[in-house]
Amino acid sequence: MLTFMDSCFFVALLNNRDEKHVDAKKILSILRNNQYGALVTTDYIVDEVLTTIWGHTHRKDFVINAYSIICKKPEFVQFKKITDQHFSLSWQKWEQIAEWPKKPLSFTDCTVLAFMELEKVENLVTFDTEFDGLVNILKI
């Protein structure tokens, strides 16, 4: 079993002033017991996290800390790259699903959907409501 970790989870976890910070810490404590399998994320999500943190703080040390938590050993989450196959399916999904304002999915959101489908990922940890009804979201 695999559980995909979305960018908003990481941003909330890393920012103690984020309104979802406490929720992210609770989720993390539950995920550590491996009840939901291995945790996975992609290069697109890491990009989104690092860009968000840099844009909000302009603090290089915060970005470096976020990178080390997500990408370095010991492994907190498995880091995967979006392949050509993921990319193609992401575009198809974006064309089919993205609709403003009903489903304002970004292309990065569609890479999450494509990755989950192709890699048979069962759960998504996110605070974004755009994914509602599209995948199984862990509500903890």
N, C-alpha and C. Protein backbone atom coordinates (compact mmCIF):
# COMPACT_ATOMS: atom_id res chain seq x y z
N MET A 1 0.85 -1.17 0.00
CA MET A 1 0.00 0.00 0.00
C MET A 1 0.90 1.25 0.00
N LEU A 2 0.46 2.26 -0.74
CA LEU A 2 1.17 3.53 -0.81
C LEU A 2 0.22 4.68 -0.47
N THR A 3 0.78 5.72 0.13
CA THR A 3 0.03 6.94 0.43
C THR A 3 0.81 8.11 -0.13
N PHE A 4 0.15 8.93 -0.95
CA PHE A 4 0.78 10.08 -1.58
C PHE A 4 0.66 11.30 -0.68
N MET A 5 1.77 12.01 -0.53
CA MET A 5 1.82 13.20 0.31
C MET A 5 1.82 14.45 -0.59
N ASP A 6 0.79 15.26 -0.45
CA ASP A 6 0.64 16.48 -1.26
C ASP A 6 1.40 17.64 -0.63
N SER A 7 1.65 18.65 -1.43
CA SER A 7 2.45 19.80 -0.99
C SER A 7 1.84 20.54 0.19
N CYS A 8 0.53 20.69 0.23
CA CYS A 8 -0.08 21.45 1.32
C CYS A 8 0.15 20.78 2.67
N PHE A 9 0.28 19.45 2.68
CA PHE A 9 0.61 18.75 3.92
C PHE A 9 1.99 19.18 4.41
N PHE A 10 2.99 19.14 3.50
CA PHE A 10 4.35 19.50 3.88
C PHE A 10 4.44 20.95 4.33
N VAL A 11 3.77 21.85 3.60
CA VAL A 11 3.81 23.26 3.96
C VAL A 11 3.21 23.47 5.35
N ALA A 12 2.08 22.83 5.62
CA ALA A 12 1.45 22.96 6.94
C ALA A 12 2.33 22.36 8.03
N LEU A 13 2.93 21.23 7.75
CA LEU A 13 3.79 20.57 8.73
C LEU A 13 5.00 21.43 9.09
N LEU A 14 5.57 22.07 8.09
CA LEU A 14 6.79 22.84 8.28
C LEU A 14 6.57 24.26 8.80
N ASN A 15 5.33 24.72 8.81
CA ASN A 15 5.03 26.09 9.22
C ASN A 15 4.11 26.07 10.43
N ASN A 16 4.67 26.35 11.60
CA ASN A 16 3.86 26.27 12.82
C ASN A 16 2.80 27.38 12.91
N ARG A 17 2.81 28.32 11.99
CA ARG A 17 1.76 29.35 11.94
C ARG A 17 0.65 29.00 10.94
N ASP A 18 0.82 27.93 10.19
CA ASP A 18 -0.19 27.50 9.23
C ASP A 18 -1.43 27.01 9.98
N GLU A 19 -2.61 27.36 9.48
CA GLU A 19 -3.86 26.96 10.15
C GLU A 19 -4.03 25.44 10.21
N LYS A 20 -3.36 24.70 9.37
CA LYS A 20 -3.46 23.23 9.35
C LYS A 20 -2.25 22.56 10.00
N HIS A 21 -1.39 23.33 10.67
CA HIS A 21 -0.17 22.77 11.26
C HIS A 21 -0.48 21.66 12.28
N VAL A 22 -1.40 21.91 13.18
CA VAL A 22 -1.75 20.91 14.20
C VAL A 22 -2.31 19.65 13.53
N ASP A 23 -3.16 19.83 12.53
CA ASP A 23 -3.71 18.68 11.80
C ASP A 23 -2.60 17.89 11.11
N ALA A 24 -1.65 18.59 10.52
CA ALA A 24 -0.53 17.92 9.83
C ALA A 24 0.29 17.11 10.82
N LYS A 25 0.53 17.65 12.01
CA LYS A 25 1.29 16.91 13.02
C LYS A 25 0.53 15.67 13.48
N LYS A 26 -0.79 15.77 13.61
CA LYS A 26 -1.60 14.60 13.99
C LYS A 26 -1.53 13.53 12.91
N ILE A 27 -1.66 13.96 11.66
CA ILE A 27 -1.58 13.02 10.54
C ILE A 27 -0.23 12.34 10.52
N LEU A 28 0.83 13.10 10.70
CA LEU A 28 2.17 12.53 10.70
C LEU A 28 2.32 11.47 11.78
N SER A 29 1.81 11.73 12.96
CA SER A 29 1.94 10.74 14.04
C SER A 29 1.19 9.45 13.71
N ILE A 30 0.07 9.57 13.02
CA ILE A 30 -0.69 8.38 12.62
C ILE A 30 0.04 7.64 11.49
N LEU A 31 0.60 8.38 10.54
CA LEU A 31 1.28 7.76 9.40
C LEU A 31 2.55 7.04 9.80
N ARG A 32 3.17 7.43 10.89
CA ARG A 32 4.42 6.81 11.32
C ARG A 32 4.27 5.35 11.72
N ASN A 33 3.05 4.90 12.01
CA ASN A 33 2.87 3.50 12.40
C ASN A 33 2.69 2.58 11.19
N ASN A 34 2.84 3.12 9.98
CA ASN A 34 2.78 2.37 8.72
C ASN A 34 1.42 1.73 8.44
N GLN A 35 0.39 2.19 9.11
CA GLN A 35 -0.96 1.69 8.88
C GLN A 35 -1.42 1.95 7.45
N TYR A 36 -0.90 3.02 6.84
CA TYR A 36 -1.30 3.39 5.49
C TYR A 36 -0.19 3.13 4.47
N GLY A 37 0.76 2.30 4.83
CA GLY A 37 1.82 1.91 3.92
C GLY A 37 2.92 2.94 3.78
N ALA A 38 3.72 2.76 2.76
CA ALA A 38 4.84 3.65 2.49
C ALA A 38 4.31 5.01 2.01
N LEU A 39 5.04 6.05 2.37
CA LEU A 39 4.69 7.41 1.97
C LEU A 39 5.50 7.78 0.74
N VAL A 40 4.85 8.43 -0.23
CA VAL A 40 5.51 8.77 -1.48
C VAL A 40 5.12 10.18 -1.91
N THR A 41 6.03 10.84 -2.60
CA THR A 41 5.74 12.13 -3.22
C THR A 41 6.60 12.24 -4.47
N THR A 42 6.40 13.31 -5.23
CA THR A 42 7.13 13.44 -6.50
C THR A 42 7.92 14.74 -6.56
N ASP A 43 8.74 14.82 -7.59
CA ASP A 43 9.55 16.02 -7.82
C ASP A 43 8.67 17.26 -8.02
N TYR A 44 7.50 17.10 -8.63
CA TYR A 44 6.61 18.25 -8.82
C TYR A 44 6.12 18.79 -7.48
N ILE A 45 5.86 17.89 -6.54
CA ILE A 45 5.39 18.31 -5.22
C ILE A 45 6.51 18.98 -4.44
N VAL A 46 7.71 18.42 -4.52
CA VAL A 46 8.85 19.04 -3.85
C VAL A 46 9.07 20.44 -4.40
N ASP A 47 8.98 20.58 -5.72
CA ASP A 47 9.11 21.90 -6.34
C ASP A 47 8.07 22.87 -5.77
N GLU A 48 6.84 22.41 -5.68
CA GLU A 48 5.76 23.27 -5.18
C GLU A 48 6.00 23.68 -3.72
N VAL A 49 6.45 22.73 -2.89
CA VAL A 49 6.73 23.02 -1.48
C VAL A 49 7.85 24.04 -1.35
N LEU A 50 8.96 23.79 -2.04
CA LEU A 50 10.11 24.69 -1.92
C LEU A 50 9.80 26.08 -2.46
N THR A 51 9.07 26.13 -3.56
CA THR A 51 8.68 27.42 -4.13
C THR A 51 7.74 28.18 -3.20
N THR A 52 6.79 27.49 -2.61
CA THR A 52 5.86 28.12 -1.67
C THR A 52 6.59 28.67 -0.45
N ILE A 53 7.45 27.86 0.13
CA ILE A 53 8.19 28.29 1.32
C ILE A 53 9.09 29.49 0.99
N TRP A 54 9.79 29.42 -0.12
CA TRP A 54 10.66 30.52 -0.53
C TRP A 54 9.84 31.79 -0.76
N GLY A 55 8.72 31.64 -1.45
CA GLY A 55 7.87 32.80 -1.76
C GLY A 55 7.28 33.46 -0.53
N HIS A 56 6.96 32.66 0.48
CA HIS A 56 6.35 33.22 1.69
C HIS A 56 7.36 33.73 2.70
N THR A 57 8.57 33.15 2.72
CA THR A 57 9.52 33.51 3.77
C THR A 57 10.76 34.24 3.29
N HIS A 58 11.18 33.97 2.05
CA HIS A 58 12.45 34.49 1.51
C HIS A 58 13.63 34.08 2.40
N ARG A 59 13.46 32.92 3.07
CA ARG A 59 14.50 32.42 3.96
C ARG A 59 15.07 31.13 3.40
N LYS A 60 16.31 31.22 3.00
CA LYS A 60 16.99 30.07 2.41
C LYS A 60 17.09 28.92 3.41
N ASP A 61 17.30 29.22 4.68
CA ASP A 61 17.41 28.16 5.69
C ASP A 61 16.12 27.36 5.81
N PHE A 62 14.97 28.01 5.66
CA PHE A 62 13.69 27.30 5.70
C PHE A 62 13.55 26.36 4.51
N VAL A 63 13.98 26.83 3.34
CA VAL A 63 13.90 26.01 2.13
C VAL A 63 14.84 24.81 2.25
N ILE A 64 16.04 25.05 2.73
CA ILE A 64 17.01 23.95 2.90
C ILE A 64 16.48 22.93 3.90
N ASN A 65 15.88 23.39 4.98
CA ASN A 65 15.29 22.49 5.97
C ASN A 65 14.18 21.64 5.35
N ALA A 66 13.31 22.28 4.58
CA ALA A 66 12.21 21.55 3.93
C ALA A 66 12.76 20.49 2.98
N TYR A 67 13.75 20.87 2.19
CA TYR A 67 14.37 19.92 1.25
C TYR A 67 14.96 18.74 2.00
N SER A 68 15.67 19.01 3.08
CA SER A 68 16.31 17.91 3.79
C SER A 68 15.30 16.98 4.44
N ILE A 69 14.19 17.51 4.91
CA ILE A 69 13.15 16.67 5.51
C ILE A 69 12.51 15.77 4.46
N ILE A 70 12.24 16.32 3.29
CA ILE A 70 11.53 15.56 2.25
C ILE A 70 12.46 14.63 1.47
N CYS A 71 13.66 15.07 1.16
CA CYS A 71 14.47 14.37 0.17
C CYS A 71 15.69 13.62 0.69
N LYS A 72 16.10 13.84 1.89
CA LYS A 72 17.34 13.23 2.35
C LYS A 72 17.09 12.06 3.28
N LYS A 73 18.13 11.32 3.56
CA LYS A 73 18.07 10.18 4.46
C LYS A 73 18.22 10.67 5.90
N PRO A 74 17.66 9.97 6.91
CA PRO A 74 16.83 8.79 6.71
C PRO A 74 15.53 9.17 6.02
N GLU A 75 15.08 8.26 5.23
CA GLU A 75 13.95 8.53 4.35
C GLU A 75 12.64 8.68 5.12
N PHE A 76 12.05 9.85 5.03
CA PHE A 76 10.73 10.11 5.61
C PHE A 76 9.66 9.71 4.60
N VAL A 77 9.94 10.01 3.35
CA VAL A 77 8.99 9.74 2.28
C VAL A 77 9.79 9.31 1.04
N GLN A 78 9.24 8.38 0.28
CA GLN A 78 9.90 7.97 -0.96
C GLN A 78 9.72 9.09 -1.99
N PHE A 79 10.81 9.47 -2.60
CA PHE A 79 10.81 10.56 -3.57
C PHE A 79 10.90 9.97 -4.98
N LYS A 80 9.89 10.23 -5.80
CA LYS A 80 9.82 9.69 -7.16
C LYS A 80 9.77 10.83 -8.17
N LYS A 81 10.21 10.54 -9.38
CA LYS A 81 10.16 11.54 -10.45
C LYS A 81 9.00 11.25 -11.39
N ILE A 82 8.41 12.33 -11.88
CA ILE A 82 7.35 12.21 -12.89
C ILE A 82 8.01 11.80 -14.21
N THR A 83 7.50 10.72 -14.78
CA THR A 83 8.04 10.20 -16.04
C THR A 83 7.23 10.76 -17.21
N ASP A 84 7.68 10.44 -18.41
CA ASP A 84 6.93 10.85 -19.61
C ASP A 84 5.51 10.29 -19.59
N GLN A 85 5.38 9.06 -19.11
CA GLN A 85 4.05 8.43 -19.04
C GLN A 85 3.16 9.18 -18.05
N HIS A 86 3.70 9.53 -16.89
CA HIS A 86 2.93 10.32 -15.91
C HIS A 86 2.54 11.67 -16.52
N PHE A 87 3.51 12.28 -17.20
CA PHE A 87 3.29 13.61 -17.77
C PHE A 87 2.16 13.59 -18.79
N SER A 88 2.16 12.60 -19.67
CA SER A 88 1.12 12.49 -20.70
C SER A 88 -0.26 12.30 -20.08
N LEU A 89 -0.34 11.41 -19.11
CA LEU A 89 -1.62 11.17 -18.44
C LEU A 89 -2.05 12.40 -17.65
N SER A 90 -1.10 13.12 -17.09
CA SER A 90 -1.42 14.36 -16.36
C SER A 90 -2.11 15.36 -17.27
N TRP A 91 -1.57 15.50 -18.47
CA TRP A 91 -2.17 16.44 -19.42
C TRP A 91 -3.58 16.00 -19.80
N GLN A 92 -3.76 14.72 -20.04
CA GLN A 92 -5.09 14.20 -20.37
C GLN A 92 -6.07 14.50 -19.22
N LYS A 93 -5.63 14.25 -18.01
CA LYS A 93 -6.49 14.50 -16.85
C LYS A 93 -6.81 15.98 -16.71
N TRP A 94 -5.81 16.83 -16.92
CA TRP A 94 -6.06 18.26 -16.81
C TRP A 94 -7.11 18.70 -17.83
N GLU A 95 -6.98 18.22 -19.07
CA GLU A 95 -7.95 18.58 -20.11
C GLU A 95 -9.35 18.09 -19.76
N GLN A 96 -9.45 16.91 -19.15
CA GLN A 96 -10.75 16.32 -18.83
C GLN A 96 -11.39 16.90 -17.58
N ILE A 97 -10.58 17.18 -16.56
CA ILE A 97 -11.13 17.49 -15.24
C ILE A 97 -11.12 18.97 -14.89
N ALA A 98 -10.04 19.66 -15.19
CA ALA A 98 -9.88 21.04 -14.74
C ALA A 98 -10.99 21.92 -15.32
N GLU A 99 -11.70 22.57 -14.41
CA GLU A 99 -12.80 23.44 -14.81
C GLU A 99 -12.92 24.54 -13.76
N TRP A 100 -12.77 25.76 -14.20
CA TRP A 100 -12.84 26.88 -13.27
C TRP A 100 -14.26 27.36 -13.10
N PRO A 101 -14.77 27.58 -11.91
CA PRO A 101 -14.16 27.40 -10.60
C PRO A 101 -14.50 26.06 -9.95
N LYS A 102 -15.25 25.20 -10.64
CA LYS A 102 -15.73 23.95 -10.05
C LYS A 102 -14.58 23.01 -9.63
N LYS A 103 -13.66 22.74 -10.51
CA LYS A 103 -12.51 21.89 -10.22
C LYS A 103 -11.25 22.62 -10.68
N PRO A 104 -10.77 23.57 -9.89
CA PRO A 104 -9.63 24.39 -10.32
C PRO A 104 -8.29 23.68 -10.15
N LEU A 105 -8.20 22.50 -10.70
CA LEU A 105 -6.97 21.71 -10.57
C LEU A 105 -5.83 22.33 -11.36
N SER A 106 -4.69 22.41 -10.73
CA SER A 106 -3.49 22.85 -11.44
C SER A 106 -2.92 21.65 -12.19
N PHE A 107 -1.98 21.92 -13.07
CA PHE A 107 -1.32 20.81 -13.76
C PHE A 107 -0.59 19.93 -12.75
N THR A 108 0.00 20.53 -11.74
CA THR A 108 0.68 19.74 -10.70
C THR A 108 -0.32 18.83 -9.99
N ASP A 109 -1.51 19.33 -9.71
CA ASP A 109 -2.55 18.47 -9.11
C ASP A 109 -2.83 17.27 -10.01
N CYS A 110 -2.85 17.51 -11.30
CA CYS A 110 -3.10 16.41 -12.24
C CYS A 110 -1.95 15.42 -12.29
N THR A 111 -0.73 15.89 -12.01
CA THR A 111 0.38 14.93 -11.92
C THR A 111 0.18 14.02 -10.72
N VAL A 112 -0.41 14.54 -9.66
CA VAL A 112 -0.72 13.72 -8.48
C VAL A 112 -1.72 12.63 -8.88
N LEU A 113 -2.78 13.02 -9.57
CA LEU A 113 -3.79 12.05 -10.00
C LEU A 113 -3.20 10.99 -10.93
N ALA A 114 -2.40 11.43 -11.88
CA ALA A 114 -1.78 10.49 -12.83
C ALA A 114 -0.83 9.54 -12.12
N PHE A 115 0.00 10.08 -11.24
CA PHE A 115 0.94 9.25 -10.50
C PHE A 115 0.19 8.21 -9.66
N MET A 116 -0.85 8.67 -8.97
CA MET A 116 -1.63 7.75 -8.14
C MET A 116 -2.25 6.63 -8.98
N GLU A 117 -2.76 6.98 -10.14
CA GLU A 117 -3.37 5.97 -11.00
C GLU A 117 -2.34 4.97 -11.53
N LEU A 118 -1.27 5.48 -12.09
CA LEU A 118 -0.28 4.59 -12.73
C LEU A 118 0.50 3.76 -11.71
N GLU A 119 0.73 4.31 -10.53
CA GLU A 119 1.52 3.61 -9.52
C GLU A 119 0.64 2.89 -8.49
N LYS A 120 -0.67 2.94 -8.72
CA LYS A 120 -1.63 2.27 -7.86
C LYS A 120 -1.52 2.71 -6.40
N VAL A 121 -1.45 4.02 -6.22
CA VAL A 121 -1.40 4.62 -4.89
C VAL A 121 -2.83 4.71 -4.36
N GLU A 122 -3.05 4.22 -3.16
CA GLU A 122 -4.40 4.10 -2.64
C GLU A 122 -4.94 5.34 -1.92
N ASN A 123 -4.05 6.11 -1.28
CA ASN A 123 -4.50 7.21 -0.44
C ASN A 123 -3.74 8.50 -0.76
N LEU A 124 -4.41 9.61 -0.49
CA LEU A 124 -3.80 10.93 -0.66
C LEU A 124 -3.93 11.69 0.65
N VAL A 125 -2.82 12.30 1.09
CA VAL A 125 -2.85 13.19 2.23
C VAL A 125 -2.78 14.61 1.68
N THR A 126 -3.85 15.34 1.83
CA THR A 126 -3.95 16.70 1.33
C THR A 126 -4.98 17.47 2.13
N PHE A 127 -4.88 18.77 2.10
CA PHE A 127 -5.91 19.64 2.66
C PHE A 127 -6.67 20.35 1.55
N ASP A 128 -6.30 20.09 0.31
CA ASP A 128 -6.94 20.73 -0.84
C ASP A 128 -8.25 20.03 -1.18
N THR A 129 -9.32 20.80 -1.29
CA THR A 129 -10.64 20.23 -1.58
C THR A 129 -10.84 19.92 -3.06
N GLU A 130 -9.93 20.39 -3.91
CA GLU A 130 -10.07 20.13 -5.35
C GLU A 130 -10.04 18.64 -5.66
N PHE A 131 -9.43 17.85 -4.79
CA PHE A 131 -9.31 16.41 -5.01
C PHE A 131 -10.55 15.63 -4.56
N ASP A 132 -11.47 16.30 -3.87
CA ASP A 132 -12.66 15.62 -3.36
C ASP A 132 -13.40 14.92 -4.49
N GLY A 133 -13.72 13.66 -4.28
CA GLY A 133 -14.45 12.87 -5.27
C GLY A 133 -13.59 12.28 -6.37
N LEU A 134 -12.30 12.59 -6.39
CA LEU A 134 -11.42 12.08 -7.44
C LEU A 134 -10.53 10.93 -6.97
N VAL A 135 -10.13 10.97 -5.71
CA VAL A 135 -9.29 9.93 -5.12
C VAL A 135 -9.67 9.76 -3.65
N ASN A 136 -9.13 8.72 -3.04
CA ASN A 136 -9.37 8.50 -1.62
C ASN A 136 -8.46 9.42 -0.80
N ILE A 137 -9.06 10.36 -0.09
CA ILE A 137 -8.31 11.29 0.74
C ILE A 137 -8.37 10.82 2.18
N LEU A 138 -7.20 10.73 2.81
CA LEU A 138 -7.18 10.34 4.21
C LEU A 138 -7.74 11.48 5.05
N LYS A 139 -8.79 11.22 5.75
CA LYS A 139 -9.41 12.20 6.65
C LYS A 139 -9.13 11.71 8.07
N ILE A 140 -8.17 12.35 8.68
CA ILE A 140 -7.75 11.88 10.01
C ILE A 140 -8.06 12.96 11.03
